[in-house]
C-alpha cells in the first residue's frame, strides 16, 4: 500500500496535493465531501478540480460515490500521500524502504534519511471502525468521527508519549509526526515473542521490562497495552514500543491499566518459562511501581 503510494509521489504535482488537502478538510464535517464544495476547500478553480479529481482517483488516492450526490473521500493511500509529502517538504525523509511490520492497527516501513528510520502509519479505525470507536476515549466527545481523525489522534498520542518518555525510558526516539504517521528510531533486536531466551535470561529480561514500566510510571505514563508483542529485545537491553493507548498516571483507570500490563507480562513469562520465574503477585508489583519502591522480581517474590 505505502510503497505503491511512494512510487506515485514523483508524478503528483502541487495542485494534486491542494485537492487532496481540500478533501481532507471537507472530511472534518462529513464522510463524503460534496463535489460542489471542493473548489472552496481546495482553493482551485472548478476546471482544475475536475482535472485533479481524475488524476487522484486514477491513482487510488480518492474514492468516488454518486448515490445521493457526487462525493469524494480520501483513501488511506491518499492520506499516506499527504503525510509523505509533508515529511519530504520538511526534509525528514528522502525515500521509502522495505516493510518492517504490517499489523491490524499500523504499518511500519523503513525510510531513508541521514540514518535509517522507521515510519509508522496508524490504521486505527480503517478496517474495524466501530470497535475502535468503543475502545478509544478520544473519540467520545465528537459528533462526527472519521477513520482519519481516529488514526491521527492515535499518532499524536503516541508521539506525545514518546517525547515525554525518551530518553529516560527505553522507547524509540521520536523524530517527526504528521497526520497519522510517526517517524522514529529504527529498533534493533527481535520482538520478545520471538526471542529465544534461556531459563537464566528470562527472569532478567522480565525484570528489565518491568523496570521500564516503572520508569514510565514515574515519568507520568502507563502503557496500557503491554504484551510480548510490544517489546524488542537486543544485546544491550529492551525497548518498549507501541504507545498510542498510553494514559497519564492521573487517569481514572491508570491503576487498573498498570495492573493489567504487569499481569500480561508476568503471564507471558510464566507460561513460556515456568521453571525460570519466581512466584510473584502482579498486584503487589503494581503497588510497588506506584509507590516507587519496585526493585526486582526477586525482592517481590
Protein backbone atom coordinates (compact mmCIF):
# COMPACT_ATOMS: atom_id res chain seq x y z
CA UNK A 1 0.00 0.00 0.00
CA UNK A 2 2.53 2.61 1.15
CA UNK A 3 5.26 1.60 -1.26
CA UNK A 4 2.77 1.90 -4.13
CA UNK A 5 1.91 5.42 -2.98
CA UNK A 6 5.60 6.28 -2.66
CA UNK A 7 6.18 5.29 -6.28
CA UNK A 8 3.41 7.72 -7.35
CA UNK A 9 4.74 10.70 -5.40
CA UNK A 10 7.03 11.99 -8.17
CA UNK A 11 4.07 12.11 -10.59
CA UNK A 12 1.90 14.23 -8.28
CA UNK A 13 2.04 18.00 -8.62
CA UNK A 14 1.33 20.83 -6.22
CA UNK A 15 -2.32 21.14 -7.20
CA UNK A 16 -2.88 17.42 -6.68
CA UNK A 17 -1.91 17.98 -3.07
CA UNK A 18 -4.14 21.07 -2.89
CA UNK A 19 -7.03 18.85 -3.94
CA UNK A 20 -6.16 16.06 -1.50
CA UNK A 21 -5.86 18.61 1.30
CA UNK A 22 -9.22 20.06 0.30
CA UNK A 23 -10.89 16.67 0.53
CA UNK A 24 -9.18 16.14 3.88
CA UNK A 25 -10.60 19.45 5.13
CA UNK A 26 -14.09 18.55 3.94
CA UNK A 27 -13.95 15.19 5.70
CA UNK A 28 -13.82 17.01 9.02
CA UNK A 29 -17.54 17.62 8.54
CA UNK A 30 -18.80 14.55 6.66
CA UNK A 31 -17.55 11.20 5.45
CA UNK A 32 -18.14 12.13 1.80
CA UNK A 33 -17.28 15.61 0.53
CA UNK A 34 -19.71 17.12 -1.96
CA UNK A 35 -18.07 17.77 -5.35
CA UNK A 36 -19.53 21.28 -5.41
CA UNK A 37 -17.66 22.28 -2.24
CA UNK A 38 -14.23 21.20 -3.41
CA UNK A 39 -13.22 24.41 -5.24
CA UNK A 40 -13.51 26.31 -1.96
CA UNK A 41 -11.90 23.61 0.19
CA UNK A 42 -9.00 23.10 -2.24
CA UNK A 43 -8.65 26.74 -3.37
CA UNK A 44 -8.81 25.61 -7.01
CA UNK A 45 -11.00 26.58 -9.95
CA UNK A 46 -13.83 24.15 -10.83
CA UNK A 47 -11.96 23.22 -14.01
CA UNK A 48 -8.79 22.41 -12.06
CA UNK A 49 -10.81 20.41 -9.55
CA UNK A 50 -12.19 18.25 -12.38
CA UNK A 51 -8.72 17.62 -13.77
CA UNK A 52 -7.09 16.77 -10.45
CA UNK A 53 -10.03 14.65 -9.26
CA UNK A 54 -9.42 12.36 -12.22
CA UNK A 55 -5.66 12.27 -11.62
CA UNK A 56 -6.00 11.42 -7.94
CA UNK A 57 -8.86 8.97 -8.37
CA UNK A 58 -6.96 7.11 -11.11
CA UNK A 59 -4.06 6.67 -8.68
CA UNK A 60 -6.30 5.29 -5.93
CA UNK A 61 -5.87 8.33 -3.68
CA UNK A 62 -9.57 9.22 -3.69
CA UNK A 63 -12.80 7.25 -3.69
CA UNK A 64 -15.89 8.49 -5.53
CA UNK A 65 -19.61 7.81 -4.98
CA UNK A 66 -22.71 9.12 -6.74
CA UNK A 67 -25.62 7.66 -4.75
CA UNK A 68 -27.26 10.88 -3.46
CA UNK A 69 -24.70 13.35 -4.76
CA UNK A 70 -21.25 13.23 -6.27
CA UNK A 71 -18.99 12.88 -3.26
CA UNK A 72 -15.34 12.09 -2.60
CA UNK A 73 -13.26 10.87 0.31
CA UNK A 74 -9.61 10.12 0.83
CA UNK A 75 -8.46 6.55 0.76
CA UNK A 76 -5.73 5.65 3.23
CA UNK A 77 -3.36 5.83 0.24
CA UNK A 78 -4.41 9.45 -0.22
CA UNK A 79 -3.86 10.19 3.46
CA UNK A 80 -0.48 8.43 3.26
CA UNK A 81 0.45 10.63 0.30
CA UNK A 82 -0.32 13.81 2.26
CA UNK A 83 1.81 12.69 5.19
CA UNK A 84 4.70 11.59 2.96
CA UNK A 85 4.54 14.90 1.10
CA UNK A 86 4.79 16.83 4.37
CA UNK A 87 7.72 14.74 5.63
CA UNK A 88 9.53 15.23 2.32
CA UNK A 89 8.95 19.01 2.40
CA UNK A 90 10.35 19.13 5.93
CA UNK A 91 13.39 17.13 4.83
CA UNK A 92 12.66 14.40 7.36
CA UNK A 93 12.75 11.55 4.83
CA UNK A 94 14.33 11.05 1.43
CA UNK A 95 12.88 7.72 0.32
CA UNK A 96 10.91 4.62 1.23
CA UNK A 97 12.39 1.26 2.13
CA UNK A 98 11.14 -2.21 2.91
CA UNK A 99 8.24 -3.00 5.25
CA UNK A 100 9.31 -3.71 8.84
CA UNK A 101 5.95 -4.87 10.11
CA UNK A 102 2.33 -4.81 8.98
CA UNK A 103 -0.39 -5.24 11.60
CA UNK A 104 -4.07 -4.71 12.26
CA UNK A 105 -3.64 -1.16 13.55
CA UNK A 106 -0.39 0.03 11.98
CA UNK A 107 2.05 -0.43 9.10
CA UNK A 108 5.76 0.20 9.68
CA UNK A 109 8.33 0.82 6.94
CA UNK A 110 12.00 1.65 6.83
CA UNK A 111 12.67 5.12 5.41
CA UNK A 112 15.86 6.75 4.23
CA UNK A 113 17.21 9.91 5.82
CA UNK A 114 20.63 10.81 7.21
CA UNK A 115 20.20 7.47 9.01
CA UNK A 116 17.59 4.73 8.54
CA UNK A 117 14.38 5.49 10.44
CA UNK A 118 11.09 3.68 10.94
CA UNK A 119 7.92 5.24 9.53
CA UNK A 120 4.76 4.11 11.30
CA UNK A 121 1.34 4.70 9.76
CA UNK A 122 -1.53 4.32 12.20
CA UNK A 123 -4.51 2.45 10.75
CA UNK A 124 -6.89 2.56 13.73
CA UNK A 125 -10.49 2.68 12.65
CA UNK A 126 -9.98 1.91 8.97
CA UNK A 127 -10.96 -1.75 8.97
CA UNK A 128 -12.79 -2.06 12.31
CA UNK A 129 -14.03 1.45 12.92
CA UNK A 130 -16.94 0.71 15.27
CA UNK A 131 -14.81 -1.40 17.60
CA UNK A 132 -12.09 1.25 17.77
CA UNK A 133 -14.74 3.90 18.48
CA UNK A 134 -15.76 1.94 21.56
CA UNK A 135 -12.21 1.45 22.81
CA UNK A 136 -10.62 4.86 22.17
CA UNK A 137 -11.70 7.54 24.60
CA UNK A 138 -10.52 10.34 22.31
CA UNK A 139 -13.48 9.65 20.01
CA UNK A 140 -16.11 10.02 22.73
CA UNK A 141 -16.73 13.77 22.57
CA UNK A 142 -17.11 14.24 18.80
CA UNK A 143 -20.31 14.09 16.80
CA UNK A 144 -18.59 13.14 13.53
CA UNK A 145 -15.53 10.94 13.84
CA UNK A 146 -13.75 9.64 10.74
CA UNK A 147 -11.10 6.95 10.50
CA UNK A 148 -8.72 9.78 9.60
CA UNK A 149 -9.39 11.53 12.90
CA UNK A 150 -9.05 8.28 14.86
CA UNK A 151 -5.73 7.38 13.24
CA UNK A 152 -4.36 10.92 13.57
CA UNK A 153 -5.26 11.13 17.25
CA UNK A 154 -3.58 7.76 17.86
CA UNK A 155 -0.40 9.03 16.19
CA UNK A 156 -0.49 12.29 18.15
CA UNK A 157 -0.97 10.48 21.45
CA UNK A 158 1.83 8.05 20.76
CA UNK A 159 4.21 10.80 19.66
CA UNK A 160 3.42 12.88 22.76
CA UNK A 161 4.13 9.87 24.97
CA UNK A 162 7.43 9.12 23.21
CA UNK A 163 8.56 12.75 23.51
CA UNK A 164 7.79 12.71 27.23
CA UNK A 165 9.41 9.35 27.95
CA UNK A 166 12.55 9.49 25.79
CA UNK A 167 15.36 9.07 26.78
CA UNK A 168 14.65 8.23 30.44
CA UNK A 169 12.55 5.27 29.31
CA UNK A 170 13.83 2.88 26.66
CA UNK A 171 11.39 3.77 23.88
CA UNK A 172 12.05 4.53 20.20
CA UNK A 173 13.47 8.02 19.76
CA UNK A 174 10.73 10.21 18.23
CA UNK A 175 11.80 12.19 15.16
CA UNK A 176 8.72 13.71 13.49
CA UNK A 177 4.93 13.35 13.30
CA UNK A 178 2.31 14.37 10.76
CA UNK A 179 -1.31 13.33 10.50
CA UNK A 180 -1.49 9.57 11.17
CA UNK A 181 2.24 8.96 10.75
CA UNK A 182 5.28 8.95 13.03
CA UNK A 183 8.98 8.91 12.13
CA UNK A 184 11.04 7.27 14.84
CA UNK A 185 14.24 5.44 15.54
CA UNK A 186 14.52 2.06 13.83
CA UNK A 187 14.70 -0.60 16.53
CA UNK A 188 17.41 -3.23 16.79
CA UNK A 189 16.85 -6.72 18.12
CA UNK A 190 13.85 -9.05 17.95
CA UNK A 191 10.33 -8.95 19.27
CA UNK A 192 10.05 -10.51 22.73
CA UNK A 193 7.50 -13.03 21.43
CA UNK A 194 10.14 -14.36 19.01
CA UNK A 195 13.17 -14.07 21.31
CA UNK A 196 14.93 -17.34 22.16
CA UNK A 197 15.79 -16.81 25.81
CA UNK A 198 17.22 -19.47 28.05
CA UNK A 199 15.95 -20.06 31.56
CA UNK A 200 18.67 -17.93 33.13
CA UNK A 201 17.87 -14.96 30.89
CA UNK A 202 14.08 -15.00 31.18
CA UNK A 203 13.66 -13.57 34.69
CA UNK A 204 16.32 -10.96 33.96
CA UNK A 205 14.60 -9.78 30.80
CA UNK A 206 11.27 -9.67 32.60
CA UNK A 207 12.94 -7.53 35.27
CA UNK A 208 14.28 -5.17 32.60
CA UNK A 209 10.83 -4.71 31.07
CA UNK A 210 9.23 -4.09 34.47
CA UNK A 211 11.94 -1.53 35.22
CA UNK A 212 10.95 0.34 32.05
CA UNK A 213 7.28 0.14 33.09
CA UNK A 214 8.23 1.58 36.48
CA UNK A 215 10.33 4.37 34.97
CA UNK A 216 7.50 5.23 32.57
CA UNK A 217 5.09 5.45 35.51
CA UNK A 218 7.49 7.77 37.30
CA UNK A 219 7.63 9.89 34.13
CA UNK A 220 3.84 10.09 34.05
CA UNK A 221 2.58 7.33 31.74
CA UNK A 222 1.06 3.85 31.82
CA UNK A 223 1.48 1.91 28.59
CA UNK A 224 -2.00 0.30 28.89
CA UNK A 225 -1.35 -2.28 26.15
CA UNK A 226 1.72 -4.21 27.32
CA UNK A 227 2.39 -7.59 25.82
CA UNK A 228 5.19 -9.72 24.39
CA UNK A 229 4.44 -8.06 21.04
CA UNK A 230 5.31 -4.55 22.25
CA UNK A 231 8.87 -5.21 23.47
CA UNK A 232 12.08 -5.54 21.48
CA UNK A 233 15.00 -7.49 22.99
CA UNK A 234 18.58 -6.73 21.95
CA UNK A 235 22.07 -7.43 23.31
CA UNK A 236 22.11 -4.06 25.09
CA UNK A 237 18.66 -4.25 26.69
CA UNK A 238 14.96 -3.94 25.91
CA UNK A 239 12.84 -1.30 24.18
CA UNK A 240 9.12 -0.82 24.81
CA UNK A 241 7.16 0.40 21.78
CA UNK A 242 3.54 0.96 20.61
CA UNK A 243 2.27 3.71 22.94
CA UNK A 244 -0.96 5.00 21.29
CA UNK A 245 -3.15 3.70 24.11
CA UNK A 246 -0.93 5.11 26.87
CA UNK A 247 -2.68 7.07 29.60
CA UNK A 248 -1.29 9.59 32.10
CA UNK A 249 -0.83 8.34 35.64
CA UNK A 250 -3.60 10.64 36.88
CA UNK A 251 -6.11 8.92 34.57
CA UNK A 252 -9.09 7.43 36.41
CA UNK A 253 -8.18 3.91 35.26
CA UNK A 254 -4.39 4.21 35.41
CA UNK A 255 -4.02 1.76 38.31
CA UNK A 256 -6.24 -0.80 36.60
CA UNK A 257 -4.27 -0.47 33.34
CA UNK A 258 -0.94 -0.75 35.17
CA UNK A 259 -2.05 -3.93 36.95
CA UNK A 260 -3.19 -5.37 33.62
CA UNK A 261 0.16 -4.50 32.00
CA UNK A 262 2.05 -6.25 34.80
CA UNK A 263 -0.28 -9.27 34.68
CA UNK A 264 0.21 -9.56 30.92
CA UNK A 265 3.99 -9.52 31.23
CA UNK A 266 4.16 -11.95 34.13
CA UNK A 267 1.62 -14.21 32.45
CA UNK A 268 3.69 -14.40 29.28
CA UNK A 269 6.97 -15.15 31.03
CA UNK A 270 5.36 -17.67 33.40
CA UNK A 271 3.72 -19.54 30.52
CA UNK A 272 6.82 -19.63 28.34
CA UNK A 273 9.49 -20.01 31.05
CA UNK A 274 7.71 -21.66 34.02
CA UNK A 275 10.86 -23.00 35.65
CA UNK A 276 12.68 -19.67 35.48
CA UNK A 277 10.06 -17.38 37.01
CA UNK A 278 9.73 -16.79 40.75
CA UNK A 279 6.29 -16.77 42.34
CA UNK A 280 5.20 -13.12 42.34
CA UNK A 281 1.94 -11.22 42.66
CA UNK A 282 1.09 -8.77 39.87
CA UNK A 283 -0.95 -6.50 42.12
CA UNK A 284 1.92 -6.26 44.62
CA UNK A 285 4.39 -5.36 41.87
CA UNK A 286 1.98 -2.74 40.51
CA UNK A 287 1.64 -1.27 44.01
CA UNK A 288 5.43 -1.11 44.33
CA UNK A 289 5.66 0.63 40.95
CA UNK A 290 3.08 3.19 42.06
CA UNK A 291 4.91 3.76 45.33
CA UNK A 292 8.27 3.97 43.56
CA UNK A 293 9.73 1.03 45.50
CA UNK A 294 9.92 -1.66 42.81
CA UNK A 295 13.45 -3.08 42.50
CA UNK A 296 13.27 -6.58 41.09
CA UNK A 297 11.19 -9.75 40.82
CA UNK A 298 13.46 -11.47 43.31
CA UNK A 299 12.74 -8.91 46.03
CA UNK A 300 8.99 -9.13 45.35
CA UNK A 301 8.89 -12.93 45.39
